[in-house]
Amino acid sequence: MTTPTLSVVIPAYNGANYLPRYLPSVLASLNRWEEASGQTWEVIVVDNASTDATADMAASYGVRVVTEEVRNIGRVRNTGAGAARSGRLFFIDADVALPLEAVTAAAATMDAGAVGGAIPPLYTPERLGARLLCAYWDHYRARRGGAQGVNQFCTADAFHHLGGYREDLFMSEDVEFFARLSAHGQVTGRPVTILDELRVRPSTRRYDQWSSLRMLWWQNPVTARLRLDSARMWRHWYESTVR
């Protein structure tokens, strides 16, 4: 069996109804990169204690499926990384559509010496209040130089050196990991690159289903720092799924 040179890790919870909408864009981006580079890839979907046919749906696309029963997003990503067989890791949420150039750009960035990076999200919710909230967080990200876990990538060596994502956090584990990755890049003299010329497109399920006030409560800078290690605090966030 050929060892892949890129591993895509996708956490999924109750995703049987939305994987068919988003997984094809990941596979299309991977196929374009493979055709151009001649390199190989693998996709690892981590079924996070789903109660629907997530595992079967993912497997029907020919990707690998592993299981993680603990409902903690950092642990889920770490489980996927632990199953990966390549030297480069590409993390993407299961409800995110990739542009065709995404994998090619990320791989080229690491080939050029970057220790990792990210592609920022573009949220397009229906309501004005939700759009303004998304615009605020995009401005905050750009000003701080951080990146959300909807899409992050890094070398496997860097990931394991850092110990992966913190499993004691139930929120903001992605921002915390990216901060450590950036610091590691500075120490080793290898850049961490945010591909601002591209955008991934996540589902806007919460923005469209929840009221703007509810989203503002969960996504303001104060709440975003409250009890990050509390499963109870963030249980409603974890229980919501794509419709």
C-alpha atoms as a PDB file:
ATOM      1  CA  MET A   1       0.000   0.000   0.000  1.00  0.00           C
ATOM      2  CA  THR A   2       1.352   3.431  -0.954  1.00  0.00           C
ATOM      3  CA  THR A   3       2.006   5.722   2.002  1.00  0.00           C
ATOM      4  CA  PRO A   4       0.041   8.968   1.538  1.00  0.00           C
ATOM      5  CA  THR A   5       1.839  12.300   1.650  1.00  0.00           C
ATOM      6  CA  LEU A   6      -1.150  14.235   3.018  1.00  0.00           C
ATOM      7  CA  SER A   7      -3.747  13.222   5.604  1.00  0.00           C
ATOM      8  CA  VAL A   8      -7.068  15.052   5.835  1.00  0.00           C
ATOM      9  CA  VAL A   9      -8.755  14.737   9.240  1.00  0.00           C
ATOM     10  CA  ILE A  10     -12.500  15.433   9.453  1.00  0.00           C
ATOM     11  CA  PRO A  11     -14.404  15.264  12.771  1.00  0.00           C
ATOM     12  CA  ALA A  12     -18.057  14.359  12.288  1.00  0.00           C
ATOM     13  CA  TYR A  13     -21.028  14.126  14.632  1.00  0.00           C
ATOM     14  CA  ASN A  14     -24.418  13.011  13.288  1.00  0.00           C
ATOM     15  CA  GLY A  15     -23.278  13.907   9.809  1.00  0.00           C
ATOM     16  CA  ALA A  16     -25.222  11.494   7.625  1.00  0.00           C
ATOM     17  CA  ASN A  17     -27.427  14.322   6.359  1.00  0.00           C
ATOM     18  CA  TYR A  18     -24.676  16.853   5.635  1.00  0.00           C
ATOM     19  CA  LEU A  19     -21.571  14.880   4.635  1.00  0.00           C
ATOM     20  CA  PRO A  20     -22.957  14.426   1.087  1.00  0.00           C
ATOM     21  CA  ARG A  21     -23.141  18.228   0.793  1.00  0.00           C
ATOM     22  CA  TYR A  22     -19.586  18.969   1.922  1.00  0.00           C
ATOM     23  CA  LEU A  23     -17.317  15.931   1.585  1.00  0.00           C
ATOM     24  CA  PRO A  24     -17.359  16.007  -2.256  1.00  0.00           C
ATOM     25  CA  SER A  25     -15.652  19.435  -2.251  1.00  0.00           C
ATOM     26  CA  VAL A  26     -12.831  18.015  -0.107  1.00  0.00           C
ATOM     27  CA  LEU A  27     -12.390  15.058  -2.448  1.00  0.00           C
ATOM     28  CA  ALA A  28     -12.457  17.319  -5.522  1.00  0.00           C
ATOM     29  CA  SER A  29      -9.720  19.535  -4.053  1.00  0.00           C
ATOM     30  CA  LEU A  30      -7.635  16.464  -3.200  1.00  0.00           C
ATOM     31  CA  ASN A  31      -8.064  14.970  -6.661  1.00  0.00           C
ATOM     32  CA  ARG A  32      -6.972  18.216  -8.326  1.00  0.00           C
ATOM     33  CA  TRP A  33      -3.849  18.296  -6.128  1.00  0.00           C
ATOM     34  CA  GLU A  34      -3.085  14.631  -6.871  1.00  0.00           C
ATOM     35  CA  GLU A  35      -3.393  15.178 -10.617  1.00  0.00           C
ATOM     36  CA  ALA A  36      -1.042  18.157 -10.484  1.00  0.00           C
ATOM     37  CA  SER A  37       1.537  16.765  -8.053  1.00  0.00           C
ATOM     38  CA  GLY A  38       1.399  12.998  -8.490  1.00  0.00           C
ATOM     39  CA  GLN A  39       1.267  12.667  -4.692  1.00  0.00           C
ATOM     40  CA  THR A  40      -1.264  10.632  -2.748  1.00  0.00           C
ATOM     41  CA  TRP A  41      -3.651  11.382   0.071  1.00  0.00           C
ATOM     42  CA  GLU A  42      -5.960   9.867   2.633  1.00  0.00           C
ATOM     43  CA  VAL A  43      -9.126  11.148   4.283  1.00  0.00           C
ATOM     44  CA  ILE A  44      -9.874  10.147   7.871  1.00  0.00           C
ATOM     45  CA  VAL A  45     -13.390  10.842   9.113  1.00  0.00           C
ATOM     46  CA  VAL A  46     -13.574  10.616  12.899  1.00  0.00           C
ATOM     47  CA  ASP A  47     -17.083   9.552  13.876  1.00  0.00           C
ATOM     48  CA  ASN A  48     -17.651  11.231  17.240  1.00  0.00           C
ATOM     49  CA  ALA A  49     -20.271   9.023  18.915  1.00  0.00           C
ATOM     50  CA  SER A  50     -22.878   9.704  16.248  1.00  0.00           C
ATOM     51  CA  THR A  51     -26.368   8.264  16.654  1.00  0.00           C
ATOM     52  CA  ASP A  52     -27.055   8.191  12.912  1.00  0.00           C
ATOM     53  CA  ALA A  53     -25.398   6.591   9.879  1.00  0.00           C
ATOM     54  CA  THR A  54     -22.398   8.958   9.809  1.00  0.00           C
ATOM     55  CA  ALA A  55     -19.845   6.125   9.639  1.00  0.00           C
ATOM     56  CA  ASP A  56     -21.620   4.311   6.817  1.00  0.00           C
ATOM     57  CA  MET A  57     -22.164   7.516   4.868  1.00  0.00           C
ATOM     58  CA  ALA A  58     -18.495   8.487   5.129  1.00  0.00           C
ATOM     59  CA  ALA A  59     -17.349   4.984   4.202  1.00  0.00           C
ATOM     60  CA  SER A  60     -19.526   5.060   1.082  1.00  0.00           C
ATOM     61  CA  TYR A  61     -17.152   7.738  -0.283  1.00  0.00           C
ATOM     62  CA  GLY A  62     -14.192   5.400   0.111  1.00  0.00           C
ATOM     63  CA  VAL A  63     -12.568   7.269   3.011  1.00  0.00           C
ATOM     64  CA  ARG A  64     -11.220   5.800   6.247  1.00  0.00           C
ATOM     65  CA  VAL A  65     -13.483   5.976   9.286  1.00  0.00           C
ATOM     66  CA  VAL A  66     -12.273   5.825  12.887  1.00  0.00           C
ATOM     67  CA  THR A  67     -14.320   6.246  16.044  1.00  0.00           C
ATOM     68  CA  GLU A  68     -13.909   8.517  19.045  1.00  0.00           C
ATOM     69  CA  GLU A  69     -16.589   8.168  21.713  1.00  0.00           C
ATOM     70  CA  VAL A  70     -15.582  11.140  23.882  1.00  0.00           C
ATOM     71  CA  ARG A  71     -17.368  14.334  22.853  1.00  0.00           C
ATOM     72  CA  ASN A  72     -14.457  16.746  22.872  1.00  0.00           C
ATOM     73  CA  ILE A  73     -13.342  18.353  19.632  1.00  0.00           C
ATOM     74  CA  GLY A  74      -9.655  18.511  20.563  1.00  0.00           C
ATOM     75  CA  ARG A  75      -9.652  14.816  21.368  1.00  0.00           C
ATOM     76  CA  VAL A  76     -11.491  14.019  18.141  1.00  0.00           C
ATOM     77  CA  ARG A  77      -8.900  15.814  16.031  1.00  0.00           C
ATOM     78  CA  ASN A  78      -6.092  14.155  17.983  1.00  0.00           C
ATOM     79  CA  THR A  79      -7.638  10.741  17.343  1.00  0.00           C
ATOM     80  CA  GLY A  80      -7.685  11.453  13.619  1.00  0.00           C
ATOM     81  CA  ALA A  81      -4.091  12.682  13.671  1.00  0.00           C
ATOM     82  CA  GLY A  82      -3.089   9.556  15.562  1.00  0.00           C
ATOM     83  CA  ALA A  83      -4.500   7.415  12.765  1.00  0.00           C
ATOM     84  CA  ALA A  84      -2.810   9.449  10.013  1.00  0.00           C
ATOM     85  CA  ARG A  85      -0.010   7.854   7.993  1.00  0.00           C
ATOM     86  CA  SER A  86       1.498  10.916   6.317  1.00  0.00           C
ATOM     87  CA  GLY A  87       3.872  13.679   7.339  1.00  0.00           C
ATOM     88  CA  ARG A  88       1.383  16.483   6.705  1.00  0.00           C
ATOM     89  CA  LEU A  89      -1.971  17.041   8.377  1.00  0.00           C
ATOM     90  CA  PHE A  90      -4.928  19.004   7.034  1.00  0.00           C
ATOM     91  CA  PHE A  91      -7.823  19.520   9.471  1.00  0.00           C
ATOM     92  CA  ILE A  92     -11.246  20.516   8.182  1.00  0.00           C
ATOM     93  CA  ASP A  93     -14.671  20.496   9.804  1.00  0.00           C
ATOM     94  CA  ALA A  94     -17.253  18.164   8.296  1.00  0.00           C
ATOM     95  CA  ASP A  95     -19.644  20.990   7.379  1.00  0.00           C
ATOM     96  CA  VAL A  96     -17.149  23.048   5.378  1.00  0.00           C
ATOM     97  CA  ALA A  97     -16.886  23.398   1.597  1.00  0.00           C
ATOM     98  CA  LEU A  98     -13.360  23.727   0.198  1.00  0.00           C
ATOM     99  CA  PRO A  99     -12.314  25.692  -2.868  1.00  0.00           C
ATOM    100  CA  LEU A 100     -10.582  23.533  -5.478  1.00  0.00           C
ATOM    101  CA  GLU A 101      -7.261  25.275  -4.833  1.00  0.00           C
ATOM    102  CA  ALA A 102      -7.295  24.691  -1.067  1.00  0.00           C
ATOM    103  CA  VAL A 103      -5.291  21.480  -0.749  1.00  0.00           C
ATOM    104  CA  THR A 104      -2.856  22.508  -3.498  1.00  0.00           C
ATOM    105  CA  ALA A 105      -2.154  25.813  -1.755  1.00  0.00           C
ATOM    106  CA  ALA A 106      -1.758  24.260   1.697  1.00  0.00           C
ATOM    107  CA  ALA A 107       0.573  21.521   0.451  1.00  0.00           C
ATOM    108  CA  ALA A 108       2.657  24.023  -1.519  1.00  0.00           C
ATOM    109  CA  THR A 109       2.962  26.200   1.579  1.00  0.00           C
ATOM    110  CA  MET A 110       4.355  23.304   3.613  1.00  0.00           C
ATOM    111  CA  ASP A 111       6.570  22.200   0.707  1.00  0.00           C
ATOM    112  CA  ALA A 112       8.049  25.704   0.737  1.00  0.00           C
ATOM    113  CA  GLY A 113       9.029  25.324   4.383  1.00  0.00           C
ATOM    114  CA  ALA A 114       6.037  26.480   6.407  1.00  0.00           C
ATOM    115  CA  VAL A 115       5.374  24.532   9.572  1.00  0.00           C
ATOM    116  CA  GLY A 116       1.649  25.029   9.061  1.00  0.00           C
ATOM    117  CA  GLY A 117      -1.112  27.517   8.458  1.00  0.00           C
ATOM    118  CA  ALA A 118      -4.828  27.963   7.862  1.00  0.00           C
ATOM    119  CA  ILE A 119      -7.450  29.053   5.376  1.00  0.00           C
ATOM    120  CA  PRO A 120      -9.893  31.581   6.883  1.00  0.00           C
ATOM    121  CA  PRO A 121     -13.647  30.936   6.799  1.00  0.00           C
ATOM    122  CA  LEU A 122     -16.258  32.951   4.939  1.00  0.00           C
ATOM    123  CA  TYR A 123     -19.606  32.785   6.706  1.00  0.00           C
ATOM    124  CA  THR A 124     -22.693  33.955   4.806  1.00  0.00           C
ATOM    125  CA  PRO A 125     -25.652  33.749   7.218  1.00  0.00           C
ATOM    126  CA  GLU A 126     -29.073  35.012   6.241  1.00  0.00           C
ATOM    127  CA  ARG A 127     -29.689  37.611   8.966  1.00  0.00           C
ATOM    128  CA  LEU A 128     -27.951  40.997   9.088  1.00  0.00           C
ATOM    129  CA  GLY A 129     -27.140  40.696  12.785  1.00  0.00           C
ATOM    130  CA  ALA A 130     -25.429  37.362  12.194  1.00  0.00           C
ATOM    131  CA  ARG A 131     -23.469  38.772   9.248  1.00  0.00           C
ATOM    132  CA  LEU A 132     -22.239  41.660  11.400  1.00  0.00           C
ATOM    133  CA  LEU A 133     -21.132  39.244  14.108  1.00  0.00           C
ATOM    134  CA  CYS A 134     -19.227  37.188  11.544  1.00  0.00           C
ATOM    135  CA  ALA A 135     -17.618  40.348  10.170  1.00  0.00           C
ATOM    136  CA  TYR A 136     -16.486  41.278  13.678  1.00  0.00           C
ATOM    137  CA  TRP A 137     -14.840  37.904  14.248  1.00  0.00           C
ATOM    138  CA  ASP A 138     -13.161  38.049  10.838  1.00  0.00           C
ATOM    139  CA  HIS A 139     -11.734  41.465  11.733  1.00  0.00           C
ATOM    140  CA  TYR A 140     -10.663  40.156  15.157  1.00  0.00           C
ATOM    141  CA  ARG A 141      -8.921  37.171  13.533  1.00  0.00           C
ATOM    142  CA  ALA A 142      -7.124  39.331  10.988  1.00  0.00           C
ATOM    143  CA  ARG A 143      -5.953  41.766  13.661  1.00  0.00           C
ATOM    144  CA  ARG A 144      -4.740  39.062  16.048  1.00  0.00           C
ATOM    145  CA  GLY A 145      -3.295  36.728  13.422  1.00  0.00           C
ATOM    146  CA  GLY A 146      -5.175  33.695  14.734  1.00  0.00           C
ATOM    147  CA  ALA A 147      -7.101  31.022  12.904  1.00  0.00           C
ATOM    148  CA  GLN A 148     -10.194  28.917  13.585  1.00  0.00           C
ATOM    149  CA  GLY A 149     -10.238  25.139  13.477  1.00  0.00           C
ATOM    150  CA  VAL A 150     -12.634  25.013  10.547  1.00  0.00           C
ATOM    151  CA  ASN A 151      -9.413  24.623   8.562  1.00  0.00           C
ATOM    152  CA  GLN A 152      -5.883  24.361   9.877  1.00  0.00           C
ATOM    153  CA  PHE A 153      -2.893  22.452   8.541  1.00  0.00           C
ATOM    154  CA  CYS A 154       0.589  21.602   9.795  1.00  0.00           C
ATOM    155  CA  THR A 155       3.408  19.108   9.542  1.00  0.00           C
ATOM    156  CA  ALA A 156       2.940  15.930  11.556  1.00  0.00           C
ATOM    157  CA  ASP A 157       6.285  16.555  13.275  1.00  0.00           C
ATOM    158  CA  ALA A 158       5.126  19.937  14.552  1.00  0.00           C
ATOM    159  CA  PHE A 159       1.751  18.556  15.607  1.00  0.00           C
ATOM    160  CA  HIS A 160       3.261  15.759  17.674  1.00  0.00           C
ATOM    161  CA  HIS A 161       5.979  18.024  19.076  1.00  0.00           C
ATOM    162  CA  LEU A 162       3.260  20.334  20.396  1.00  0.00           C
ATOM    163  CA  GLY A 163       1.152  17.469  21.725  1.00  0.00           C
ATOM    164  CA  GLY A 164      -1.762  18.235  19.419  1.00  0.00           C
ATOM    165  CA  TYR A 165      -4.930  19.984  20.524  1.00  0.00           C
ATOM    166  CA  ARG A 166      -5.640  20.388  24.228  1.00  0.00           C
ATOM    167  CA  GLU A 167      -8.240  17.859  25.311  1.00  0.00           C
ATOM    168  CA  ASP A 168      -9.144  19.726  28.500  1.00  0.00           C
ATOM    169  CA  LEU A 169     -10.749  22.521  26.450  1.00  0.00           C
ATOM    170  CA  PHE A 170     -14.243  22.326  24.996  1.00  0.00           C
ATOM    171  CA  MET A 171     -14.033  25.626  23.134  1.00  0.00           C
ATOM    172  CA  SER A 172     -11.208  27.730  21.633  1.00  0.00           C
ATOM    173  CA  GLU A 173      -8.915  24.699  21.474  1.00  0.00           C
ATOM    174  CA  ASP A 174      -8.270  25.612  17.836  1.00  0.00           C
ATOM    175  CA  VAL A 175      -7.177  29.180  18.613  1.00  0.00           C
ATOM    176  CA  GLU A 176      -4.972  27.925  21.450  1.00  0.00           C
ATOM    177  CA  PHE A 177      -3.339  25.304  19.212  1.00  0.00           C
ATOM    178  CA  PHE A 178      -2.696  27.815  16.431  1.00  0.00           C
ATOM    179  CA  ALA A 179      -1.038  30.186  18.902  1.00  0.00           C
ATOM    180  CA  ARG A 180       1.340  27.411  19.998  1.00  0.00           C
ATOM    181  CA  LEU A 181       1.954  26.426  16.372  1.00  0.00           C
ATOM    182  CA  SER A 182       2.824  30.043  15.521  1.00  0.00           C
ATOM    183  CA  ALA A 183       5.214  30.251  18.470  1.00  0.00           C
ATOM    184  CA  HIS A 184       6.824  26.965  17.381  1.00  0.00           C
ATOM    185  CA  GLY A 185       7.262  28.399  13.896  1.00  0.00           C
ATOM    186  CA  GLN A 186       9.027  31.459  15.285  1.00  0.00           C
ATOM    187  CA  VAL A 187      11.389  29.329  17.373  1.00  0.00           C
ATOM    188  CA  THR A 188      12.255  27.016  14.480  1.00  0.00           C
ATOM    189  CA  GLY A 189      12.447  29.779  11.886  1.00  0.00           C
ATOM    190  CA  ARG A 190       9.640  28.266   9.806  1.00  0.00           C
ATOM    191  CA  PRO A 191       6.619  30.402   8.961  1.00  0.00           C
ATOM    192  CA  VAL A 192       3.003  29.765   9.800  1.00  0.00           C
ATOM    193  CA  THR A 193       0.979  31.042   6.864  1.00  0.00           C
ATOM    194  CA  ILE A 194      -2.650  32.141   6.686  1.00  0.00           C
ATOM    195  CA  LEU A 195      -3.832  31.797   3.102  1.00  0.00           C
ATOM    196  CA  ASP A 196      -5.921  34.957   2.985  1.00  0.00           C
ATOM    197  CA  GLU A 197      -6.393  34.757  -0.768  1.00  0.00           C
ATOM    198  CA  LEU A 198      -8.634  31.712  -0.220  1.00  0.00           C
ATOM    199  CA  ARG A 199     -11.742  31.115   1.865  1.00  0.00           C
ATOM    200  CA  VAL A 200     -13.449  27.961   3.074  1.00  0.00           C
ATOM    201  CA  ARG A 201     -17.235  28.133   3.392  1.00  0.00           C
ATOM    202  CA  PRO A 202     -18.641  26.644   6.607  1.00  0.00           C
ATOM    203  CA  SER A 203     -22.266  25.848   7.259  1.00  0.00           C
ATOM    204  CA  THR A 204     -24.159  28.741   8.821  1.00  0.00           C
ATOM    205  CA  ARG A 205     -26.519  26.409  10.687  1.00  0.00           C
ATOM    206  CA  ARG A 206     -26.254  28.035  14.103  1.00  0.00           C
ATOM    207  CA  TYR A 207     -26.404  31.568  12.698  1.00  0.00           C
ATOM    208  CA  ASP A 208     -29.561  30.699  10.758  1.00  0.00           C
ATOM    209  CA  GLN A 209     -31.243  28.547  13.425  1.00  0.00           C
ATOM    210  CA  TRP A 210     -30.330  30.468  16.563  1.00  0.00           C
ATOM    211  CA  SER A 211     -31.355  34.050  17.280  1.00  0.00           C
ATOM    212  CA  SER A 212     -28.759  36.781  16.872  1.00  0.00           C
ATOM    213  CA  LEU A 213     -28.869  37.433  20.622  1.00  0.00           C
ATOM    214  CA  ARG A 214     -28.171  33.775  21.351  1.00  0.00           C
ATOM    215  CA  MET A 215     -25.229  33.756  18.946  1.00  0.00           C
ATOM    216  CA  LEU A 216     -23.955  37.002  20.456  1.00  0.00           C
ATOM    217  CA  TRP A 217     -23.997  35.388  23.893  1.00  0.00           C
ATOM    218  CA  TRP A 218     -21.983  32.381  22.751  1.00  0.00           C
ATOM    219  CA  GLN A 219     -19.642  34.294  20.477  1.00  0.00           C
ATOM    220  CA  ASN A 220     -18.680  37.454  22.288  1.00  0.00           C
ATOM    221  CA  PRO A 221     -15.079  37.838  23.536  1.00  0.00           C
ATOM    222  CA  VAL A 222     -16.119  37.505  27.195  1.00  0.00           C
ATOM    223  CA  THR A 223     -18.166  34.316  26.880  1.00  0.00           C
ATOM    224  CA  ALA A 224     -15.563  32.868  24.529  1.00  0.00           C
ATOM    225  CA  ARG A 225     -13.167  32.815  27.480  1.00  0.00           C
ATOM    226  CA  LEU A 226     -15.549  31.492  30.139  1.00  0.00           C
ATOM    227  CA  ARG A 227     -15.139  27.991  31.502  1.00  0.00           C
ATOM    228  CA  LEU A 228     -13.412  26.667  28.403  1.00  0.00           C
ATOM    229  CA  ASP A 229     -12.747  23.432  30.268  1.00  0.00           C
ATOM    230  CA  SER A 230     -16.407  22.879  31.204  1.00  0.00           C
ATOM    231  CA  ALA A 231     -18.330  20.274  29.191  1.00  0.00           C
ATOM    232  CA  ARG A 232     -21.535  21.452  30.872  1.00  0.00           C
ATOM    233  CA  MET A 233     -20.954  25.086  29.916  1.00  0.00           C
ATOM    234  CA  TRP A 234     -20.619  24.226  26.217  1.00  0.00           C
ATOM    235  CA  ARG A 235     -23.030  21.277  25.987  1.00  0.00           C
ATOM    236  CA  HIS A 236     -25.596  23.162  23.866  1.00  0.00           C
ATOM    237  CA  TRP A 237     -22.880  24.099  21.362  1.00  0.00           C
ATOM    238  CA  TYR A 238     -21.822  20.462  21.093  1.00  0.00           C
ATOM    239  CA  GLU A 239     -25.374  19.186  20.796  1.00  0.00           C
ATOM    240  CA  SER A 240     -26.272  21.355  17.818  1.00  0.00           C
ATOM    241  CA  THR A 241     -25.844  19.693  14.430  1.00  0.00           C
ATOM    242  CA  VAL A 242     -26.277  20.593  10.795  1.00  0.00           C
ATOM    243  CA  ARG A 243     -29.868  20.464   9.519  1.00  0.00           C
END
